[in-house]
Amino acid sequence: MALNRTGEYLATGSKDRTARVWDSHGKELAQITHQKPVRLIALSPDGRLVVTFDDGPIRVWEVAGRQEIARVNHDGHLSIVAFSPDGKYLATGGSSAVRVWLWRREDLIAEVCACLTRNLTPQEWQQYLSDEPYRKICPDLP
């Protein structure tokens, strides 16, 4: 289980394959069903997001809409996941590695654009981001 920074929200993960988020009055705000038992869980500092892990990818969910908004793949056994105090990063740790991840798409795009000299080609886009229609992500680059 996990509390957010202020203690007004509690998240629980269970062997019954559910993640649940509760407010400080005991009202269930969200229930998210998984394919396997939920082994790890974390709440964002503001309580708006919950991270779950069930032996697959790490998933970030919007509590209010119960929508999955991001996935992070961690190699090897995972034993801890946590948000940074500002919610911008996810930290993961396990037997093989400890990692800090930018997980928000807009933060990843900004970091990538700072390193590129040109936009991705349609073929590169298909290779890395096949689930979305092609677009130029770095407006200041050719």
N, C-alpha and C. Protein backbone atom coordinates (compact mmCIF):
# COMPACT_ATOMS: atom_id res chain seq x y z
N MET A 1 0.84 -1.18 0.00
CA MET A 1 0.00 0.00 0.00
C MET A 1 0.88 1.24 0.00
N ALA A 2 0.30 2.37 -0.34
CA ALA A 2 1.05 3.63 -0.42
C ALA A 2 0.14 4.80 -0.07
N LEU A 3 0.73 5.81 0.54
CA LEU A 3 0.05 7.07 0.82
C LEU A 3 0.62 8.15 -0.08
N ASN A 4 -0.19 9.15 -0.39
CA ASN A 4 0.38 10.30 -1.09
C ASN A 4 1.07 11.19 -0.05
N ARG A 5 1.69 12.26 -0.50
CA ARG A 5 2.52 13.11 0.36
C ARG A 5 1.75 13.69 1.55
N THR A 6 0.50 14.08 1.34
CA THR A 6 -0.28 14.70 2.42
C THR A 6 -1.04 13.69 3.27
N GLY A 7 -1.08 12.45 2.83
CA GLY A 7 -1.80 11.43 3.57
C GLY A 7 -3.30 11.44 3.34
N GLU A 8 -3.77 12.21 2.36
CA GLU A 8 -5.21 12.24 2.12
C GLU A 8 -5.69 11.15 1.17
N TYR A 9 -4.75 10.43 0.54
CA TYR A 9 -5.11 9.33 -0.35
C TYR A 9 -4.27 8.10 -0.02
N LEU A 10 -4.90 6.94 -0.14
CA LEU A 10 -4.25 5.66 0.11
C LEU A 10 -4.49 4.77 -1.10
N ALA A 11 -3.44 4.08 -1.55
CA ALA A 11 -3.58 3.12 -2.65
C ALA A 11 -3.20 1.74 -2.12
N THR A 12 -3.95 0.74 -2.57
CA THR A 12 -3.66 -0.64 -2.18
C THR A 12 -3.58 -1.51 -3.42
N GLY A 13 -2.68 -2.46 -3.40
CA GLY A 13 -2.57 -3.46 -4.45
C GLY A 13 -2.82 -4.81 -3.81
N SER A 14 -3.43 -5.73 -4.55
CA SER A 14 -3.88 -6.97 -3.92
C SER A 14 -3.64 -8.20 -4.79
N LYS A 15 -3.63 -9.36 -4.12
CA LYS A 15 -3.55 -10.64 -4.82
C LYS A 15 -4.81 -10.90 -5.65
N ASP A 16 -5.89 -10.18 -5.35
CA ASP A 16 -7.12 -10.38 -6.13
C ASP A 16 -7.07 -9.65 -7.47
N ARG A 17 -5.88 -9.15 -7.85
CA ARG A 17 -5.60 -8.49 -9.13
C ARG A 17 -6.22 -7.11 -9.25
N THR A 18 -6.44 -6.43 -8.12
CA THR A 18 -6.98 -5.07 -8.16
C THR A 18 -6.04 -4.09 -7.48
N ALA A 19 -6.05 -2.90 -8.00
CA ALA A 19 -5.44 -1.74 -7.34
C ALA A 19 -6.60 -0.82 -7.00
N ARG A 20 -6.58 -0.28 -5.80
CA ARG A 20 -7.67 0.60 -5.36
C ARG A 20 -7.08 1.86 -4.75
N VAL A 21 -7.78 2.95 -4.94
CA VAL A 21 -7.39 4.23 -4.34
C VAL A 21 -8.56 4.70 -3.49
N TRP A 22 -8.22 5.13 -2.26
CA TRP A 22 -9.21 5.54 -1.26
C TRP A 22 -8.89 6.96 -0.81
N ASP A 23 -9.94 7.71 -0.42
CA ASP A 23 -9.68 9.01 0.19
C ASP A 23 -9.58 8.84 1.70
N SER A 24 -9.29 9.92 2.40
CA SER A 24 -9.06 9.85 3.85
C SER A 24 -10.33 9.54 4.64
N HIS A 25 -11.48 9.57 3.99
CA HIS A 25 -12.75 9.24 4.64
C HIS A 25 -13.15 7.78 4.39
N GLY A 26 -12.29 7.03 3.69
CA GLY A 26 -12.58 5.63 3.40
C GLY A 26 -13.40 5.40 2.15
N LYS A 27 -13.64 6.46 1.37
CA LYS A 27 -14.40 6.31 0.13
C LYS A 27 -13.47 5.80 -0.97
N GLU A 28 -13.88 4.73 -1.66
CA GLU A 28 -13.10 4.20 -2.77
C GLU A 28 -13.27 5.12 -3.98
N LEU A 29 -12.14 5.64 -4.48
CA LEU A 29 -12.16 6.55 -5.62
C LEU A 29 -11.93 5.84 -6.95
N ALA A 30 -11.19 4.73 -6.90
CA ALA A 30 -10.90 4.00 -8.13
C ALA A 30 -10.59 2.55 -7.81
N GLN A 31 -10.98 1.70 -8.74
CA GLN A 31 -10.59 0.29 -8.71
C GLN A 31 -10.11 -0.06 -10.10
N ILE A 32 -8.89 -0.56 -10.20
CA ILE A 32 -8.28 -0.88 -11.49
C ILE A 32 -7.92 -2.37 -11.47
N THR A 33 -8.48 -3.10 -12.43
CA THR A 33 -8.27 -4.55 -12.49
C THR A 33 -7.06 -4.86 -13.36
N HIS A 34 -6.27 -5.84 -12.92
CA HIS A 34 -5.07 -6.29 -13.62
C HIS A 34 -5.20 -7.76 -14.01
N GLN A 35 -4.28 -8.23 -14.82
CA GLN A 35 -4.26 -9.63 -15.24
C GLN A 35 -3.64 -10.54 -14.17
N LYS A 36 -2.77 -9.96 -13.34
CA LYS A 36 -2.06 -10.72 -12.31
C LYS A 36 -2.18 -9.96 -10.99
N PRO A 37 -1.78 -10.59 -9.87
CA PRO A 37 -1.78 -9.85 -8.60
C PRO A 37 -0.93 -8.59 -8.67
N VAL A 38 -1.40 -7.52 -8.06
CA VAL A 38 -0.68 -6.26 -8.04
C VAL A 38 0.38 -6.35 -6.94
N ARG A 39 1.65 -6.33 -7.36
CA ARG A 39 2.76 -6.53 -6.41
C ARG A 39 3.28 -5.23 -5.83
N LEU A 40 3.27 -4.14 -6.62
CA LEU A 40 3.79 -2.86 -6.16
C LEU A 40 2.82 -1.75 -6.54
N ILE A 41 2.81 -0.71 -5.71
CA ILE A 41 1.91 0.41 -5.97
C ILE A 41 2.53 1.69 -5.40
N ALA A 42 2.27 2.81 -6.04
CA ALA A 42 2.74 4.11 -5.56
C ALA A 42 1.73 5.17 -5.97
N LEU A 43 1.64 6.22 -5.19
CA LEU A 43 0.77 7.36 -5.50
C LEU A 43 1.61 8.58 -5.80
N SER A 44 1.15 9.40 -6.74
CA SER A 44 1.82 10.66 -6.99
C SER A 44 1.64 11.57 -5.77
N PRO A 45 2.50 12.56 -5.61
CA PRO A 45 2.38 13.44 -4.44
C PRO A 45 1.00 14.07 -4.28
N ASP A 46 0.35 14.42 -5.40
CA ASP A 46 -0.97 15.05 -5.31
C ASP A 46 -2.12 14.03 -5.26
N GLY A 47 -1.82 12.74 -5.42
CA GLY A 47 -2.84 11.70 -5.36
C GLY A 47 -3.64 11.53 -6.63
N ARG A 48 -3.32 12.27 -7.69
CA ARG A 48 -4.08 12.17 -8.94
C ARG A 48 -3.68 10.96 -9.79
N LEU A 49 -2.46 10.43 -9.55
CA LEU A 49 -1.94 9.33 -10.34
C LEU A 49 -1.54 8.17 -9.44
N VAL A 50 -1.69 6.96 -9.96
CA VAL A 50 -1.25 5.77 -9.24
C VAL A 50 -0.40 4.93 -10.19
N VAL A 51 0.67 4.36 -9.66
CA VAL A 51 1.54 3.47 -10.42
C VAL A 51 1.33 2.06 -9.91
N THR A 52 1.19 1.11 -10.84
CA THR A 52 1.01 -0.28 -10.46
C THR A 52 2.02 -1.16 -11.18
N PHE A 53 2.32 -2.29 -10.55
CA PHE A 53 3.20 -3.29 -11.14
C PHE A 53 2.67 -4.67 -10.80
N ASP A 54 2.47 -5.49 -11.86
CA ASP A 54 1.95 -6.85 -11.67
C ASP A 54 2.80 -7.89 -12.39
N ASP A 55 4.09 -7.70 -12.43
CA ASP A 55 5.05 -8.55 -13.14
C ASP A 55 5.10 -8.27 -14.64
N GLY A 56 4.38 -7.27 -15.10
CA GLY A 56 4.45 -6.83 -16.49
C GLY A 56 5.15 -5.48 -16.50
N PRO A 57 4.74 -4.61 -17.39
CA PRO A 57 5.31 -3.25 -17.35
C PRO A 57 4.77 -2.47 -16.14
N ILE A 58 5.50 -1.46 -15.74
CA ILE A 58 5.03 -0.53 -14.73
C ILE A 58 4.02 0.36 -15.44
N ARG A 59 2.86 0.56 -14.83
CA ARG A 59 1.83 1.36 -15.49
C ARG A 59 1.42 2.54 -14.62
N VAL A 60 1.25 3.68 -15.28
CA VAL A 60 0.79 4.89 -14.61
C VAL A 60 -0.66 5.11 -15.02
N TRP A 61 -1.51 5.32 -14.01
CA TRP A 61 -2.95 5.48 -14.23
C TRP A 61 -3.41 6.82 -13.68
N GLU A 62 -4.38 7.41 -14.38
CA GLU A 62 -5.08 8.57 -13.87
C GLU A 62 -6.18 8.04 -12.95
N VAL A 63 -6.19 8.46 -11.70
CA VAL A 63 -7.15 7.93 -10.73
C VAL A 63 -8.58 8.28 -11.12
N ALA A 64 -8.84 9.54 -11.42
CA ALA A 64 -10.22 9.98 -11.68
C ALA A 64 -10.86 9.25 -12.85
N GLY A 65 -10.12 9.06 -13.93
CA GLY A 65 -10.70 8.41 -15.11
C GLY A 65 -10.36 6.95 -15.24
N ARG A 66 -9.53 6.44 -14.33
CA ARG A 66 -9.08 5.06 -14.38
C ARG A 66 -8.46 4.71 -15.73
N GLN A 67 -7.77 5.69 -16.31
CA GLN A 67 -7.15 5.52 -17.62
C GLN A 67 -5.66 5.29 -17.47
N GLU A 68 -5.13 4.32 -18.19
CA GLU A 68 -3.68 4.12 -18.24
C GLU A 68 -3.10 5.21 -19.13
N ILE A 69 -2.11 5.94 -18.60
CA ILE A 69 -1.54 7.04 -19.38
C ILE A 69 -0.07 6.84 -19.73
N ALA A 70 0.59 5.85 -19.14
CA ALA A 70 1.99 5.59 -19.49
C ALA A 70 2.38 4.19 -19.04
N ARG A 71 3.42 3.66 -19.73
CA ARG A 71 4.02 2.38 -19.36
C ARG A 71 5.53 2.55 -19.34
N VAL A 72 6.15 1.86 -18.40
CA VAL A 72 7.61 1.86 -18.28
C VAL A 72 8.05 0.41 -18.12
N ASN A 73 9.02 -0.02 -18.92
CA ASN A 73 9.53 -1.38 -18.82
C ASN A 73 10.81 -1.39 -18.00
N HIS A 74 10.80 -2.11 -16.92
CA HIS A 74 11.96 -2.24 -16.04
C HIS A 74 12.53 -3.65 -16.22
N ASP A 75 13.82 -3.75 -16.49
CA ASP A 75 14.45 -5.05 -16.66
C ASP A 75 14.71 -5.71 -15.31
N GLY A 76 14.47 -7.00 -15.26
CA GLY A 76 14.78 -7.77 -14.06
C GLY A 76 13.71 -7.67 -12.99
N HIS A 77 14.02 -8.25 -11.84
CA HIS A 77 13.12 -8.27 -10.69
C HIS A 77 12.91 -6.84 -10.17
N LEU A 78 11.70 -6.49 -9.85
CA LEU A 78 11.37 -5.17 -9.34
C LEU A 78 10.88 -5.29 -7.91
N SER A 79 11.42 -4.45 -7.02
CA SER A 79 11.00 -4.53 -5.62
C SER A 79 10.50 -3.20 -5.06
N ILE A 80 10.67 -2.10 -5.81
CA ILE A 80 10.17 -0.81 -5.32
C ILE A 80 9.91 0.12 -6.51
N VAL A 81 8.88 0.95 -6.36
CA VAL A 81 8.57 1.99 -7.33
C VAL A 81 8.07 3.20 -6.54
N ALA A 82 8.48 4.40 -6.97
CA ALA A 82 8.07 5.61 -6.25
C ALA A 82 8.11 6.81 -7.19
N PHE A 83 7.25 7.77 -6.92
CA PHE A 83 7.28 9.06 -7.62
C PHE A 83 8.28 9.97 -6.94
N SER A 84 8.87 10.88 -7.72
CA SER A 84 9.67 11.95 -7.13
C SER A 84 8.72 12.94 -6.47
N PRO A 85 9.22 13.79 -5.57
CA PRO A 85 8.33 14.75 -4.89
C PRO A 85 7.54 15.66 -5.84
N ASP A 86 8.11 15.96 -7.03
CA ASP A 86 7.38 16.81 -7.98
C ASP A 86 6.53 16.00 -8.96
N GLY A 87 6.60 14.66 -8.89
CA GLY A 87 5.81 13.80 -9.77
C GLY A 87 6.36 13.66 -11.17
N LYS A 88 7.47 14.31 -11.47
CA LYS A 88 8.04 14.29 -12.83
C LYS A 88 8.77 12.99 -13.14
N TYR A 89 9.31 12.37 -12.12
CA TYR A 89 10.12 11.16 -12.32
C TYR A 89 9.51 9.98 -11.58
N LEU A 90 9.82 8.78 -12.09
CA LEU A 90 9.53 7.54 -11.38
C LEU A 90 10.87 6.90 -11.05
N ALA A 91 11.00 6.41 -9.86
CA ALA A 91 12.19 5.66 -9.47
C ALA A 91 11.77 4.21 -9.32
N THR A 92 12.59 3.31 -9.88
CA THR A 92 12.33 1.88 -9.75
C THR A 92 13.60 1.21 -9.27
N GLY A 93 13.43 0.16 -8.51
CA GLY A 93 14.58 -0.57 -8.02
C GLY A 93 14.30 -2.04 -7.91
N GLY A 94 15.34 -2.81 -8.16
CA GLY A 94 15.21 -4.25 -8.06
C GLY A 94 16.57 -4.88 -7.90
N SER A 95 16.64 -6.17 -8.12
CA SER A 95 17.90 -6.90 -7.91
C SER A 95 18.95 -6.55 -8.95
N SER A 96 18.53 -6.12 -10.15
CA SER A 96 19.52 -5.88 -11.20
C SER A 96 19.81 -4.40 -11.46
N ALA A 97 18.94 -3.50 -11.02
CA ALA A 97 19.16 -2.09 -11.33
C ALA A 97 18.27 -1.18 -10.51
N VAL A 98 18.74 0.04 -10.35
CA VAL A 98 17.94 1.13 -9.82
C VAL A 98 17.91 2.17 -10.92
N ARG A 99 16.72 2.65 -11.27
CA ARG A 99 16.60 3.59 -12.37
C ARG A 99 15.68 4.74 -11.99
N VAL A 100 15.93 5.87 -12.61
CA VAL A 100 15.05 7.03 -12.50
C VAL A 100 14.57 7.34 -13.91
N TRP A 101 13.27 7.44 -14.09
CA TRP A 101 12.64 7.58 -15.40
C TRP A 101 11.89 8.90 -15.52
N LEU A 102 12.06 9.57 -16.65
CA LEU A 102 11.08 10.56 -17.09
C LEU A 102 9.95 9.73 -17.66
N TRP A 103 8.75 9.91 -17.21
CA TRP A 103 7.68 9.04 -17.67
C TRP A 103 6.61 9.78 -18.47
N ARG A 104 6.52 11.10 -18.33
CA ARG A 104 5.52 11.86 -19.08
C ARG A 104 5.98 12.05 -20.52
N ARG A 105 5.09 11.80 -21.43
CA ARG A 105 5.42 11.90 -22.85
C ARG A 105 6.00 13.27 -23.20
N GLU A 106 5.41 14.35 -22.69
CA GLU A 106 5.90 15.69 -23.04
C GLU A 106 7.31 15.94 -22.52
N ASP A 107 7.66 15.37 -21.37
CA ASP A 107 9.02 15.52 -20.84
C ASP A 107 10.01 14.71 -21.68
N LEU A 108 9.60 13.52 -22.10
CA LEU A 108 10.45 12.70 -22.95
C LEU A 108 10.69 13.38 -24.30
N ILE A 109 9.64 13.93 -24.88
CA ILE A 109 9.77 14.62 -26.16
C ILE A 109 10.71 15.81 -26.03
N ALA A 110 10.56 16.60 -24.98
CA ALA A 110 11.45 17.76 -24.78
C ALA A 110 12.91 17.32 -24.66
N GLU A 111 13.15 16.24 -23.95
CA GLU A 111 14.52 15.74 -23.79
C GLU A 111 15.08 15.23 -25.12
N VAL A 112 14.26 14.52 -25.87
CA VAL A 112 14.69 14.01 -27.17
C VAL A 112 14.98 15.16 -28.13
N CYS A 113 14.10 16.14 -28.17
CA CYS A 113 14.30 17.27 -29.09
C CYS A 113 15.58 18.05 -28.78
N ALA A 114 15.96 18.09 -27.51
CA ALA A 114 17.21 18.77 -27.14
C ALA A 114 18.43 18.03 -27.66
N CYS A 115 18.29 16.76 -27.97
CA CYS A 115 19.43 15.95 -28.43
C CYS A 115 19.46 15.73 -29.94
N LEU A 116 18.34 15.94 -30.61
CA LEU A 116 18.25 15.66 -32.05
C LEU A 116 18.71 16.84 -32.89
N THR A 117 19.13 16.52 -34.11
CA THR A 117 19.45 17.57 -35.08
C THR A 117 18.38 17.65 -36.16
N ARG A 118 17.44 16.67 -36.15
CA ARG A 118 16.33 16.64 -37.11
C ARG A 118 15.19 15.83 -36.50
N ASN A 119 14.00 15.99 -37.05
CA ASN A 119 12.86 15.19 -36.63
C ASN A 119 13.02 13.75 -37.10
N LEU A 120 12.28 12.85 -36.48
CA LEU A 120 12.27 11.47 -36.94
C LEU A 120 11.67 11.39 -38.33
N THR A 121 12.14 10.44 -39.12
CA THR A 121 11.52 10.17 -40.41
C THR A 121 10.25 9.35 -40.16
N PRO A 122 9.35 9.28 -41.14
CA PRO A 122 8.17 8.43 -40.96
C PRO A 122 8.54 6.97 -40.65
N GLN A 123 9.61 6.46 -41.25
CA GLN A 123 10.04 5.09 -40.99
C GLN A 123 10.52 4.93 -39.54
N GLU A 124 11.29 5.90 -39.04
CA GLU A 124 11.74 5.85 -37.64
C GLU A 124 10.55 5.95 -36.69
N TRP A 125 9.62 6.83 -37.02
CA TRP A 125 8.42 6.98 -36.20
C TRP A 125 7.69 5.65 -36.09
N GLN A 126 7.50 4.98 -37.22
CA GLN A 126 6.81 3.69 -37.24
C GLN A 126 7.54 2.67 -36.37
N GLN A 127 8.86 2.68 -36.42
CA GLN A 127 9.66 1.74 -35.65
C GLN A 127 9.50 1.96 -34.15
N TYR A 128 9.52 3.23 -33.71
CA TYR A 128 9.53 3.53 -32.28
C TYR A 128 8.16 3.88 -31.70
N LEU A 129 7.28 4.46 -32.51
CA LEU A 129 5.99 4.96 -32.01
C LEU A 129 4.84 4.51 -32.90
N SER A 130 4.81 3.26 -33.24
CA SER A 130 3.87 2.76 -34.24
C SER A 130 2.40 2.95 -33.88
N ASP A 131 2.10 3.17 -32.62
CA ASP A 131 0.69 3.29 -32.24
C ASP A 131 0.10 4.67 -32.48
N GLU A 132 0.89 5.60 -32.98
CA GLU A 132 0.40 6.96 -33.21
C GLU A 132 0.64 7.39 -34.65
N PRO A 133 -0.21 8.25 -35.17
CA PRO A 133 0.05 8.79 -36.52
C PRO A 133 1.32 9.65 -36.51
N TYR A 134 2.04 9.63 -37.62
CA TYR A 134 3.28 10.38 -37.73
C TYR A 134 3.03 11.89 -37.59
N ARG A 135 3.94 12.54 -36.89
CA ARG A 135 3.95 14.00 -36.81
C ARG A 135 5.35 14.44 -36.43
N LYS A 136 5.68 15.66 -36.77
CA LYS A 136 6.97 16.23 -36.33
C LYS A 136 6.83 16.63 -34.88
N ILE A 137 7.69 16.10 -34.02
CA ILE A 137 7.56 16.38 -32.60
C ILE A 137 8.44 17.53 -32.14
N CYS A 138 9.44 17.88 -32.96
CA CYS A 138 10.34 18.97 -32.60
C CYS A 138 10.10 20.12 -33.58
N PRO A 139 9.28 21.09 -33.20
CA PRO A 139 8.86 22.13 -34.15
C PRO A 139 10.01 22.98 -34.68
N ASP A 140 11.12 23.09 -33.96
CA ASP A 140 12.23 23.93 -34.40
C ASP A 140 13.26 23.18 -35.23
N LEU A 141 13.00 21.91 -35.54
CA LEU A 141 13.96 21.12 -36.31
C LEU A 141 13.39 20.74 -37.66
N PRO A 142 14.29 20.55 -38.65
CA PRO A 142 13.82 20.12 -39.97
C PRO A 142 13.31 18.69 -39.96
